[in-house]
Amino acid sequence: MAEVIRMPRMSDTMTEGVFVAWHKQVGDKVKSGDVLAEVETDKATMELESYDTGVLLYVGVEAGSAAPVDSVIAIIGKEGESYEELLKAAEAEDKAAASGAEEEKPEAPKAADKPVEQAPAPAEKAPEVQAPVTAEAETTEDGRLKASPLAKKIAAEKGIPLHQVNGSGDGGRIVRRDVENYVPAAASAETPAKEKQVVINIPTFVGEESFEEVAVSQMRKTIAGRLSESKFSAPHFYLTISIDMDNAIAARKSMNEVAPVKISFNDMIVKAAALSLRQHKAVNSSWLGTKIRYNNHVHIGVAVAINDGLVVPVIRFADGKSLSQISAETGSLATRARERKLQPQDWEGNTFTISNLGMMGIEEFTAIINPPDACILAVGGINQVPVVKNGQVVPGNILKMTMSCDHRVVDGATGAQFLQTLKGYLEDPVRMLV
């Protein structure tokens, strides 16, 4: 019997997926475990595998189009098997679910329900002549045009006004073929002729205003939604600390002479933060509304910039790993992130996040807390500046860090104590090796 394939939820924050490419076409044989398509989620481009064996009878989403989670995307069954009734039943089920959700919303009063004041009719008024009405697409009760997303996209690309397109779908809904077959109506013969215009040639100046609009990616949508929610719901406050990195610079140089992989300053910061979190459980926490979760494990998210956004792969149990292990794992996660090959287990479960822009010349900045964490550490670059040591002004290597804290969970003194512990580890790196 044919089986309906629906869009799975491929990440915890996914609401829809964009089909990059189909690996199987209608009529192809499919085995369980075969890759059907590549789908771009809010986190990465992932492979959609089949859980059924048979023949691909139907594909409901074109490459380049988006499909909401749980929507019908394909049907797999026996060769030559009829699937139309199954498809209709699935679509009817989706419509029923959608209409049920709509019924829960209060309906806006219709224009016909409003009392209308009638003015006295003037005597011997000539009958009004109504303008001929052209067939137009149906609209919803709130005045919006009924049109499929693909029809809207094609109309926007071709500059076609949707309100002039006749809809041939259910209830007058505009579909793809309506837009592709659209022919502009001829100008009305009753339109008065325009007056002849005088054209004045004006010299063209160098330079023109222009712009480019790019569709928002799934990743950018999620970044916007999650960080907006974090910024507007969590009361942020910020703590900045300066750290003398002279000993860290010397220690890193010595360690890299014997380390199997190159250890970076960021690796040292991850290790120092992980050890500090073990001592300050209140910072390694999450606000859950009616309760606060204090994590006993330390999973540190490390922000990685990629072409169209930002991902935060997670180094699990970072407090128990050596600097070489942290370095190797961070490098692997960053490479897979840039290649869009991360899996859900690579970015879920963080208890604390570090964002480092020091390698880009940024001296100091503040970051927005990455849910569900209570804090995020923003790391700047190491700058050589004059410092006072033993009463003398000497060159020093100073690193500034700013921690953003959720005041619902972390108080100022709590955050300051954590930063003091972190400062101690980085100014005396030998303590991290004990």
Protein backbone atom coordinates (compact mmCIF):
# COMPACT_ATOMS: atom_id res chain seq x y z
CA MET A 1 0.00 0.00 0.00
CA ALA A 2 1.24 3.49 -0.87
CA GLU A 3 2.62 5.61 2.00
CA VAL A 4 2.44 9.39 2.35
CA ILE A 5 5.80 11.02 3.16
CA ARG A 6 5.55 14.19 5.23
CA MET A 7 8.17 16.83 5.97
CA PRO A 8 9.97 15.75 9.19
CA ARG A 9 11.15 18.17 11.86
CA MET A 10 14.91 18.00 11.30
CA SER A 11 15.91 20.39 14.09
CA ASP A 12 14.31 21.56 17.32
CA THR A 13 13.57 25.04 15.90
CA MET A 14 12.60 24.05 12.34
CA THR A 15 9.21 25.23 11.01
CA GLU A 16 9.78 24.60 7.30
CA GLY A 17 12.46 23.30 4.96
CA VAL A 18 13.61 24.41 1.51
CA PHE A 19 14.25 21.62 -1.00
CA VAL A 20 17.69 22.22 -2.50
CA ALA A 21 17.55 19.21 -4.84
CA TRP A 22 15.73 15.92 -5.31
CA HIS A 23 17.97 12.84 -5.63
CA LYS A 24 15.03 10.67 -6.73
CA GLN A 25 12.48 11.45 -9.44
CA VAL A 26 8.94 10.18 -9.98
CA GLY A 27 9.15 6.59 -11.23
CA ASP A 28 12.50 5.85 -9.55
CA LYS A 29 12.83 2.82 -7.29
CA VAL A 30 13.49 3.69 -3.65
CA LYS A 31 14.86 1.56 -0.83
CA SER A 32 14.71 2.26 2.89
CA GLY A 33 17.73 4.43 3.72
CA ASP A 34 18.04 5.96 0.25
CA VAL A 35 18.50 9.74 0.14
CA LEU A 36 15.38 11.29 -1.39
CA ALA A 37 16.41 14.94 -1.32
CA GLU A 38 18.62 17.62 0.22
CA VAL A 39 16.71 19.99 2.51
CA GLU A 40 17.92 23.33 3.86
CA THR A 41 16.79 23.81 7.45
CA ASP A 42 17.40 26.73 9.78
CA LYS A 43 20.67 25.11 10.88
CA ALA A 44 22.18 23.21 7.95
CA THR A 45 21.54 21.48 4.64
CA MET A 46 20.59 17.90 5.50
CA GLU A 47 19.79 14.70 3.64
CA LEU A 48 16.20 13.46 3.73
CA GLU A 49 16.20 9.66 3.85
CA SER A 50 13.39 7.29 2.92
CA TYR A 51 11.95 4.93 5.52
CA ASP A 52 9.94 3.01 2.90
CA THR A 53 10.76 0.76 -0.04
CA GLY A 54 8.97 0.98 -3.38
CA VAL A 55 8.58 3.41 -6.26
CA LEU A 56 8.41 7.21 -5.94
CA LEU A 57 4.88 7.85 -7.23
CA TYR A 58 4.44 11.52 -6.40
CA VAL A 59 6.54 14.58 -5.52
CA GLY A 60 4.67 17.50 -3.99
CA VAL A 61 7.45 20.08 -3.61
CA GLU A 62 9.61 21.48 -6.40
CA ALA A 63 13.32 22.11 -5.93
CA GLY A 64 13.81 25.62 -4.58
CA SER A 65 10.43 25.65 -2.82
CA ALA A 66 9.70 25.47 0.90
CA ALA A 67 7.49 22.95 2.67
CA PRO A 68 6.13 23.36 6.22
CA VAL A 69 6.81 20.67 8.80
CA ASP A 70 4.25 17.78 8.54
CA SER A 71 3.11 18.79 5.03
CA VAL A 72 2.86 16.17 2.26
CA ILE A 73 6.06 16.07 0.21
CA ALA A 74 5.95 12.69 -1.56
CA ILE A 75 4.19 9.33 -1.91
CA ILE A 76 5.95 5.96 -2.18
CA GLY A 77 4.19 2.75 -3.20
CA LYS A 78 4.10 -0.09 -5.70
CA GLU A 79 4.79 0.57 -9.37
CA GLY A 80 1.60 1.65 -11.15
CA GLU A 81 -0.33 1.89 -7.87
CA SER A 82 -3.05 4.56 -7.73
CA TYR A 83 -2.35 7.21 -5.11
CA GLU A 84 -4.86 9.97 -5.98
CA GLU A 85 -7.39 9.00 -3.30
CA LEU A 86 -4.63 8.76 -0.69
CA LEU A 87 -3.34 12.21 -1.66
CA LYS A 88 -6.85 13.71 -1.51
CA ALA A 89 -7.40 12.20 1.93
CA ALA A 90 -4.09 13.60 3.20
CA GLU A 91 -4.85 17.07 1.79
CA ALA A 92 -8.36 16.96 3.29
CA GLU A 93 -6.83 16.06 6.65
CA ASP A 94 -4.47 19.02 6.42
CA LYS A 95 -7.31 21.38 5.48
CA ALA A 96 -9.41 20.13 8.39
CA ALA A 97 -6.54 20.71 10.78
CA ALA A 98 -5.97 24.21 9.36
CA SER A 99 -9.66 25.12 9.52
CA GLY A 100 -9.81 23.85 13.10
CA ALA A 101 -6.99 26.22 14.00
CA GLU A 102 -8.79 29.07 12.23
CA GLU A 103 -12.02 28.41 14.16
CA GLU A 104 -10.19 29.05 17.40
CA LYS A 105 -9.40 32.60 16.27
CA PRO A 106 -12.14 35.22 16.86
CA GLU A 107 -13.66 36.32 13.58
CA ALA A 108 -13.52 39.98 12.67
CA PRO A 109 -16.98 41.55 12.13
CA LYS A 110 -17.97 41.54 8.50
CA ALA A 111 -18.82 44.71 6.67
CA ALA A 112 -22.35 43.44 6.04
CA ASP A 113 -22.99 43.15 9.80
CA LYS A 114 -22.35 46.86 10.39
CA PRO A 115 -25.35 49.21 10.45
CA VAL A 116 -25.49 51.39 7.38
CA GLU A 117 -27.01 54.85 7.51
CA GLN A 118 -29.15 55.60 4.47
CA ALA A 119 -29.20 59.13 3.17
CA PRO A 120 -32.48 60.42 1.65
CA ALA A 121 -32.48 59.88 -2.09
CA PRO A 122 -32.43 63.07 -4.17
CA ALA A 123 -35.47 63.62 -6.34
CA GLU A 124 -35.39 62.44 -9.96
CA LYS A 125 -31.81 61.22 -9.74
CA ALA A 126 -30.58 59.61 -12.93
CA PRO A 127 -29.88 55.86 -12.61
CA GLU A 128 -26.21 55.06 -12.02
CA VAL A 129 -24.32 53.11 -14.64
CA GLN A 130 -21.96 50.56 -13.17
CA ALA A 131 -18.56 49.98 -14.77
CA PRO A 132 -18.09 46.53 -16.26
CA VAL A 133 -16.55 44.14 -13.74
CA THR A 134 -13.72 41.87 -14.83
CA ALA A 135 -13.27 38.43 -13.32
CA GLU A 136 -10.67 38.65 -10.60
CA ALA A 137 -9.14 36.27 -8.09
CA GLU A 138 -11.10 35.49 -4.95
CA THR A 139 -10.03 37.12 -1.70
CA THR A 140 -10.24 35.98 1.90
CA GLU A 141 -12.48 37.66 4.44
CA ASP A 142 -9.64 39.94 5.53
CA GLY A 143 -9.12 41.12 1.95
CA ARG A 144 -6.01 39.09 1.11
CA LEU A 145 -5.70 37.39 -2.26
CA LYS A 146 -5.91 33.62 -2.37
CA ALA A 147 -2.69 32.54 -4.09
CA SER A 148 -0.17 29.76 -3.69
CA PRO A 149 3.37 30.72 -2.49
CA LEU A 150 4.83 29.62 -5.84
CA ALA A 151 2.29 31.75 -7.75
CA LYS A 152 3.21 34.76 -5.60
CA LYS A 153 6.91 34.16 -6.22
CA ILE A 154 6.52 33.92 -10.01
CA ALA A 155 4.24 36.97 -10.09
CA ALA A 156 6.77 39.00 -8.11
CA GLU A 157 9.60 37.95 -10.46
CA LYS A 158 7.61 38.86 -13.57
CA GLY A 159 6.06 42.02 -12.13
CA ILE A 160 2.51 40.73 -12.60
CA PRO A 161 -0.21 42.36 -10.42
CA LEU A 162 -1.90 39.42 -8.69
CA HIS A 163 -5.25 41.23 -8.33
CA GLN A 164 -5.59 41.15 -12.13
CA VAL A 165 -4.99 37.39 -12.42
CA ASN A 166 -7.98 35.02 -12.62
CA GLY A 167 -7.66 32.13 -10.18
CA SER A 168 -8.54 28.64 -11.41
CA GLY A 169 -7.79 26.75 -8.19
CA ASP A 170 -10.16 25.76 -5.41
CA GLY A 171 -12.32 28.72 -4.38
CA GLY A 172 -10.70 30.97 -6.99
CA ARG A 173 -7.18 30.44 -5.62
CA ILE A 174 -4.40 31.64 -7.92
CA VAL A 175 -1.99 28.85 -8.83
CA ARG A 176 1.18 28.65 -10.91
CA ARG A 177 -0.50 28.06 -14.27
CA ASP A 178 -2.71 31.14 -13.80
CA VAL A 179 0.32 33.40 -13.45
CA GLU A 180 2.21 31.75 -16.33
CA ASN A 181 -0.84 32.10 -18.64
CA TYR A 182 -1.62 35.67 -17.62
CA VAL A 183 -2.15 38.12 -20.52
CA PRO A 184 -2.48 41.83 -19.69
CA ALA A 185 -5.94 43.17 -20.49
CA ALA A 186 -6.15 45.64 -23.37
CA ALA A 187 -6.64 49.26 -22.43
CA SER A 188 -10.31 50.29 -22.31
CA ALA A 189 -11.59 52.06 -25.39
CA GLU A 190 -13.42 54.49 -23.15
CA THR A 191 -10.15 55.74 -21.66
CA PRO A 192 -9.66 59.32 -22.82
CA ALA A 193 -6.61 59.86 -24.98
CA LYS A 194 -3.64 61.27 -23.16
CA GLU A 195 -2.41 64.70 -24.03
CA LYS A 196 0.75 64.78 -26.05
CA GLN A 197 3.71 65.09 -23.73
CA VAL A 198 6.76 67.20 -24.36
CA VAL A 199 9.96 65.23 -23.78
CA ILE A 200 12.90 67.18 -22.44
CA ASN A 201 16.29 65.53 -22.61
CA ILE A 202 18.14 65.93 -19.32
CA PRO A 203 21.84 65.04 -19.11
CA THR A 204 22.48 61.71 -17.38
CA PHE A 205 24.77 61.94 -14.41
CA VAL A 206 27.22 59.22 -13.42
CA GLY A 207 25.85 56.83 -10.79
CA GLU A 208 22.44 55.31 -10.34
CA GLU A 209 20.51 54.21 -7.28
CA SER A 210 20.17 50.44 -7.14
CA PHE A 211 19.67 47.64 -4.68
CA GLU A 212 19.44 43.89 -4.46
CA GLU A 213 16.86 41.96 -2.44
CA VAL A 214 17.64 38.42 -1.30
CA ALA A 215 15.13 36.01 0.21
CA VAL A 216 15.68 35.39 3.92
CA SER A 217 17.25 31.97 4.48
CA GLN A 218 15.90 29.46 6.99
CA MET A 219 18.99 30.02 9.14
CA ARG A 220 18.59 33.80 9.16
CA LYS A 221 14.88 33.48 10.08
CA THR A 222 15.78 31.36 13.08
CA ILE A 223 18.61 33.66 14.18
CA ALA A 224 16.24 36.64 13.99
CA GLY A 225 13.47 34.87 15.91
CA ARG A 226 15.55 33.29 18.67
CA LEU A 227 17.79 36.27 19.38
CA SER A 228 14.89 38.75 19.27
CA GLU A 229 13.06 36.60 21.79
CA SER A 230 16.18 36.42 23.95
CA LYS A 231 16.91 40.15 23.82
CA PHE A 232 13.33 41.24 24.52
CA SER A 233 12.44 38.61 27.15
CA ALA A 234 15.68 38.14 29.10
CA PRO A 235 16.81 41.22 31.09
CA HIS A 236 20.45 41.50 29.97
CA PHE A 237 23.21 43.13 31.97
CA TYR A 238 26.92 43.21 31.11
CA LEU A 239 30.17 42.68 32.98
CA THR A 240 33.56 43.53 31.40
CA ILE A 241 36.95 42.37 32.69
CA SER A 242 40.55 42.96 31.52
CA ILE A 243 42.99 40.05 31.61
CA ASP A 244 46.80 40.13 31.50
CA MET A 245 47.67 37.55 28.83
CA ASP A 246 51.48 37.65 29.16
CA ASN A 247 51.66 34.25 30.88
CA ALA A 248 49.05 32.76 28.54
CA ILE A 249 51.09 33.82 25.50
CA ALA A 250 54.22 32.20 26.91
CA ALA A 251 52.37 29.06 27.97
CA ARG A 252 50.72 28.65 24.57
CA LYS A 253 54.07 28.95 22.81
CA SER A 254 55.56 26.28 25.06
CA MET A 255 52.58 23.91 24.70
CA ASN A 256 52.53 24.17 20.90
CA GLU A 257 56.09 22.90 20.80
CA VAL A 258 54.89 19.49 22.02
CA ALA A 259 51.11 19.46 21.37
CA PRO A 260 49.81 17.08 18.63
CA VAL A 261 47.56 19.89 17.32
CA LYS A 262 47.93 23.66 17.35
CA ILE A 263 46.37 25.16 20.48
CA SER A 264 44.73 28.57 20.04
CA PHE A 265 43.91 31.24 22.58
CA ASN A 266 40.25 30.41 22.02
CA ASP A 267 40.94 26.79 23.07
CA MET A 268 42.49 28.10 26.29
CA ILE A 269 39.48 30.35 26.91
CA VAL A 270 37.07 27.45 26.36
CA LYS A 271 39.00 25.29 28.84
CA ALA A 272 39.26 28.10 31.42
CA ALA A 273 35.54 28.89 31.10
CA ALA A 274 34.62 25.21 31.46
CA LEU A 275 36.67 24.84 34.66
CA SER A 276 35.19 28.09 36.02
CA LEU A 277 31.63 26.92 35.30
CA ARG A 278 32.29 23.81 37.35
CA GLN A 279 32.91 26.10 40.34
CA HIS A 280 30.05 28.53 39.61
CA LYS A 281 26.99 26.42 38.88
CA ALA A 282 24.68 29.46 38.95
CA VAL A 283 26.27 30.70 35.70
CA ASN A 284 25.92 27.26 34.10
CA SER A 285 22.12 27.46 34.25
CA SER A 286 18.88 28.07 32.35
CA TRP A 287 15.69 30.01 33.07
CA LEU A 288 12.66 27.75 32.58
CA GLY A 289 9.87 30.11 33.64
CA THR A 290 8.65 28.41 36.82
CA LYS A 291 12.03 26.94 37.73
CA ILE A 292 15.78 27.35 37.19
CA ARG A 293 17.89 24.48 35.89
CA TYR A 294 21.42 24.28 37.33
CA ASN A 295 23.46 22.00 35.06
CA ASN A 296 26.03 19.65 36.56
CA HIS A 297 27.57 19.00 33.14
CA VAL A 298 29.43 21.62 31.08
CA HIS A 299 28.58 21.82 27.36
CA ILE A 300 30.12 24.93 25.78
CA GLY A 301 28.76 26.33 22.53
CA VAL A 302 31.33 28.05 20.30
CA ALA A 303 29.87 30.54 17.81
CA VAL A 304 31.05 29.98 14.23
CA ALA A 305 30.37 32.47 11.42
CA ILE A 306 29.40 30.97 8.07
CA ASN A 307 28.39 32.55 4.75
CA ASP A 308 24.73 33.25 5.47
CA GLY A 309 24.56 33.28 9.25
CA LEU A 310 25.85 31.88 12.49
CA VAL A 311 25.86 28.42 14.04
CA VAL A 312 26.89 27.32 17.53
CA PRO A 313 28.35 23.81 17.60
CA VAL A 314 28.76 22.37 21.08
CA ILE A 315 31.84 20.95 22.82
CA ARG A 316 30.40 18.47 25.30
CA PHE A 317 31.92 17.91 28.76
CA ALA A 318 34.54 20.54 27.96
CA ASP A 319 35.72 20.68 31.58
CA GLY A 320 37.02 17.09 31.33
CA LYS A 321 38.86 17.47 28.02
CA SER A 322 42.48 18.44 27.43
CA LEU A 323 43.46 21.52 25.43
CA SER A 324 44.53 19.28 22.54
CA GLN A 325 41.14 17.52 22.53
CA ILE A 326 39.29 20.84 22.62
CA SER A 327 41.43 22.16 19.75
CA ALA A 328 40.84 19.12 17.55
CA GLU A 329 37.09 19.03 18.25
CA THR A 330 36.64 22.76 17.70
CA GLY A 331 38.46 22.60 14.35
CA SER A 332 36.37 19.65 13.17
CA LEU A 333 33.08 21.27 14.19
CA ALA A 334 34.01 24.60 12.56
CA THR A 335 34.92 22.89 9.27
CA ARG A 336 31.67 20.90 9.17
CA ALA A 337 29.72 24.03 10.08
CA ARG A 338 31.13 25.96 7.11
CA GLU A 339 30.40 22.99 4.84
CA ARG A 340 26.81 22.80 6.22
CA LYS A 341 27.37 19.22 7.36
CA LEU A 342 26.52 19.56 11.05
CA GLN A 343 23.93 17.19 12.51
CA PRO A 344 21.39 18.09 15.25
CA GLN A 345 23.50 16.45 17.96
CA ASP A 346 26.35 18.82 17.04
CA TRP A 347 24.46 22.01 17.96
CA GLU A 348 22.03 20.98 20.71
CA GLY A 349 22.51 20.95 24.47
CA ASN A 350 24.74 23.99 25.16
CA THR A 351 24.84 25.27 28.75
CA PHE A 352 27.14 28.27 28.10
CA THR A 353 28.27 30.05 24.91
CA ILE A 354 31.48 31.80 23.82
CA SER A 355 31.63 34.25 20.90
CA ASN A 356 35.15 35.31 19.89
CA LEU A 357 35.77 38.17 17.43
CA GLY A 358 39.32 38.89 18.52
CA MET A 359 40.81 37.39 15.37
CA MET A 360 38.83 39.97 13.35
CA GLY A 361 40.41 42.94 15.10
CA ILE A 362 37.53 43.60 17.51
CA GLU A 363 38.79 44.87 20.86
CA GLU A 364 35.55 44.62 22.84
CA PHE A 365 31.84 43.93 22.23
CA THR A 366 28.64 42.64 23.81
CA ALA A 367 26.67 39.60 22.66
CA ILE A 368 23.03 38.53 22.92
CA ILE A 369 22.43 35.49 25.15
CA ASN A 370 22.03 32.25 23.21
CA PRO A 371 18.95 30.39 24.58
CA PRO A 372 18.65 28.37 26.73
CA ASP A 373 21.87 29.62 28.36
CA ALA A 374 21.86 32.18 31.15
CA CYS A 375 25.11 33.80 29.97
CA ILE A 376 27.31 34.35 26.92
CA LEU A 377 30.96 35.43 26.91
CA ALA A 378 32.08 37.94 24.24
CA VAL A 379 35.85 37.77 23.65
CA GLY A 380 37.86 40.55 22.02
CA GLY A 381 41.43 40.59 20.74
CA ILE A 382 44.71 40.75 22.66
CA ASN A 383 46.09 44.27 22.46
CA GLN A 384 49.53 45.48 23.47
CA VAL A 385 49.01 48.55 25.65
CA PRO A 386 50.91 50.38 28.40
CA VAL A 387 50.28 48.83 31.84
CA VAL A 388 51.60 49.55 35.30
CA LYS A 389 53.57 46.71 36.93
CA ASN A 390 55.53 47.16 40.15
CA GLY A 391 55.18 50.92 39.83
CA GLN A 392 56.59 50.97 36.30
CA VAL A 393 54.79 51.61 33.00
CA VAL A 394 55.62 48.68 30.73
CA PRO A 395 54.12 47.06 27.61
CA GLY A 396 51.37 44.60 28.42
CA ASN A 397 49.11 42.23 26.49
CA ILE A 398 45.54 42.85 27.58
CA LEU A 399 42.43 40.87 26.62
CA LYS A 400 38.96 42.26 27.33
CA MET A 401 35.93 40.02 27.82
CA THR A 402 32.31 41.03 28.34
CA MET A 403 29.78 38.59 29.76
CA SER A 404 26.08 39.13 29.05
CA CYS A 405 23.95 37.78 31.90
CA ASP A 406 20.26 36.98 32.28
CA HIS A 407 19.35 38.86 35.47
CA ARG A 408 16.48 36.45 36.16
CA VAL A 409 19.11 33.81 36.93
CA VAL A 410 22.47 35.48 37.50
CA ASP A 411 23.11 38.46 39.77
CA GLY A 412 25.95 40.94 39.36
CA ALA A 413 28.08 39.52 42.17
CA THR A 414 27.60 35.97 40.87
CA GLY A 415 28.76 36.94 37.39
CA ALA A 416 31.71 38.92 38.78
CA GLN A 417 32.91 35.97 40.87
CA PHE A 418 32.82 33.72 37.80
CA LEU A 419 34.89 36.22 35.78
CA GLN A 420 37.44 36.49 38.59
CA THR A 421 37.89 32.71 38.54
CA LEU A 422 38.20 32.76 34.73
CA LYS A 423 40.77 35.55 34.96
CA GLY A 424 42.81 33.49 37.42
CA TYR A 425 43.01 30.51 35.05
CA LEU A 426 44.09 32.61 32.05
CA GLU A 427 46.66 34.69 33.97
CA ASP A 428 48.16 31.49 35.43
CA PRO A 429 47.50 28.80 32.76
CA VAL A 430 49.41 26.09 34.67
CA ARG A 431 46.36 25.84 36.97
CA MET A 432 44.32 24.50 34.01
CA LEU A 433 46.68 21.54 33.66
CA VAL A 434 46.43 20.37 37.28
